[in-house]
C-alpha atoms as a PDB file:
ATOM      1  CA  MET A   1     -74.438  38.342 107.191  1.00  0.00           C
ATOM      2  CA  PRO A   2     -76.753  41.818 107.773  1.00  0.00           C
ATOM      3  CA  ASN A   3     -79.468  43.226 104.842  1.00  0.00           C
ATOM      4  CA  ALA A   4     -77.845  45.804 105.340  1.00  0.00           C
ATOM      5  CA  TYR A   5     -74.636  44.805 103.813  1.00  0.00           C
ATOM      6  CA  THR A   6     -76.350  42.592 101.727  1.00  0.00           C
ATOM      7  CA  ASP A   7     -75.505  44.952  98.887  1.00  0.00           C
ATOM      8  CA  ASP A   8     -71.442  45.771  99.790  1.00  0.00           C
ATOM      9  CA  GLU A   9     -69.283  43.832  96.786  1.00  0.00           C
ATOM     10  CA  MET A  10     -66.313  41.545  99.117  1.00  0.00           C
ATOM     11  CA  ILE A  11     -62.884  42.555  98.665  1.00  0.00           C
ATOM     12  CA  SER A  12     -59.743  41.240  99.714  1.00  0.00           C
ATOM     13  CA  HIS A  13     -57.302  42.308 102.751  1.00  0.00           C
ATOM     14  CA  GLY A  14     -54.925  43.472  99.934  1.00  0.00           C
ATOM     15  CA  THR A  15     -57.688  45.251  97.719  1.00  0.00           C
ATOM     16  CA  PHE A  16     -58.620  46.988 100.934  1.00  0.00           C
ATOM     17  CA  ILE A  17     -55.166  47.660 101.575  1.00  0.00           C
ATOM     18  CA  SER A  18     -54.583  49.529  98.460  1.00  0.00           C
ATOM     19  CA  LYS A  19     -57.269  51.205  98.446  1.00  0.00           C
ATOM     20  CA  TRP A  20     -57.473  52.662 101.596  1.00  0.00           C
ATOM     21  CA  LYS A  21     -53.856  53.587 100.751  1.00  0.00           C
ATOM     22  CA  ALA A  22     -54.762  55.671  97.806  1.00  0.00           C
ATOM     23  CA  ASN A  23     -57.617  57.499 100.128  1.00  0.00           C
ATOM     24  CA  LYS A  24     -55.599  58.711 102.333  1.00  0.00           C
ATOM     25  CA  LYS A  25     -53.190  60.113  99.811  1.00  0.00           C
ATOM     26  CA  ASP A  26     -56.192  61.718  97.682  1.00  0.00           C
ATOM     27  CA  VAL A  27     -56.614  63.270 101.843  1.00  0.00           C
ATOM     28  CA  GLU A  28     -53.837  64.127 102.874  1.00  0.00           C
ATOM     29  CA  LYS A  29     -53.523  65.446  99.608  1.00  0.00           C
ATOM     30  CA  ASN A  30     -53.517  69.323 100.418  1.00  0.00           C
ATOM     31  CA  ASN A  31     -52.250  69.506 103.880  1.00  0.00           C
ATOM     32  CA  ASP A  32     -49.514  71.832 103.558  1.00  0.00           C
ATOM     33  CA  VAL A  33     -51.967  73.950 101.972  1.00  0.00           C
ATOM     34  CA  VAL A  34     -51.824  77.910 103.447  1.00  0.00           C
ATOM     35  CA  THR A  35     -54.703  80.388 103.171  1.00  0.00           C
ATOM     36  CA  TYR A  36     -53.890  83.565 103.193  1.00  0.00           C
ATOM     37  CA  SER A  37     -56.754  86.493 103.459  1.00  0.00           C
ATOM     38  CA  LEU A  38     -56.392  89.856 105.059  1.00  0.00           C
ATOM     39  CA  THR A  39     -57.510  89.096 108.477  1.00  0.00           C
ATOM     40  CA  GLY A  40     -55.084  86.208 108.762  1.00  0.00           C
ATOM     41  CA  SER A  41     -53.449  82.540 107.129  1.00  0.00           C
ATOM     42  CA  SER A  42     -54.841  79.120 108.093  1.00  0.00           C
ATOM     43  CA  ASN A  43     -53.948  75.540 107.428  1.00  0.00           C
ATOM     44  CA  ILE A  44     -55.661  73.210 107.495  1.00  0.00           C
ATOM     45  CA  LYS A  45     -54.840  69.460 108.429  1.00  0.00           C
ATOM     46  CA  GLN A  46     -56.455  66.278 107.646  1.00  0.00           C
ATOM     47  CA  THR A  47     -55.938  62.870 108.286  1.00  0.00           C
ATOM     48  CA  VAL A  48     -57.155  59.336 108.122  1.00  0.00           C
ATOM     49  CA  ALA A  49     -56.990  57.448 110.971  1.00  0.00           C
ATOM     50  CA  PRO A  50     -54.507  54.397 111.084  1.00  0.00           C
ATOM     51  CA  ILE A  51     -54.864  50.935 110.200  1.00  0.00           C
ATOM     52  CA  LYS A  52     -54.759  48.577 113.516  1.00  0.00           C
ATOM     53  CA  GLU A  53     -54.422  44.868 112.222  1.00  0.00           C
ATOM     54  CA  LEU A  54     -55.185  42.795 114.293  1.00  0.00           C
ATOM     55  CA  TYR A  55     -52.455  39.639 113.782  1.00  0.00           C
END
């Protein structure tokens, strides 16, 4: 294991998936919010990259 990762905690695949889903939900929770100002409106969409299972 590279030295850069020696302090990282190993987690199971299931724990990773549940943390990924929670992060995705948190990041995308404000996607339907429209902000209005004197010059117009804006709607910023944030996304999380999909997981690509290789097996």
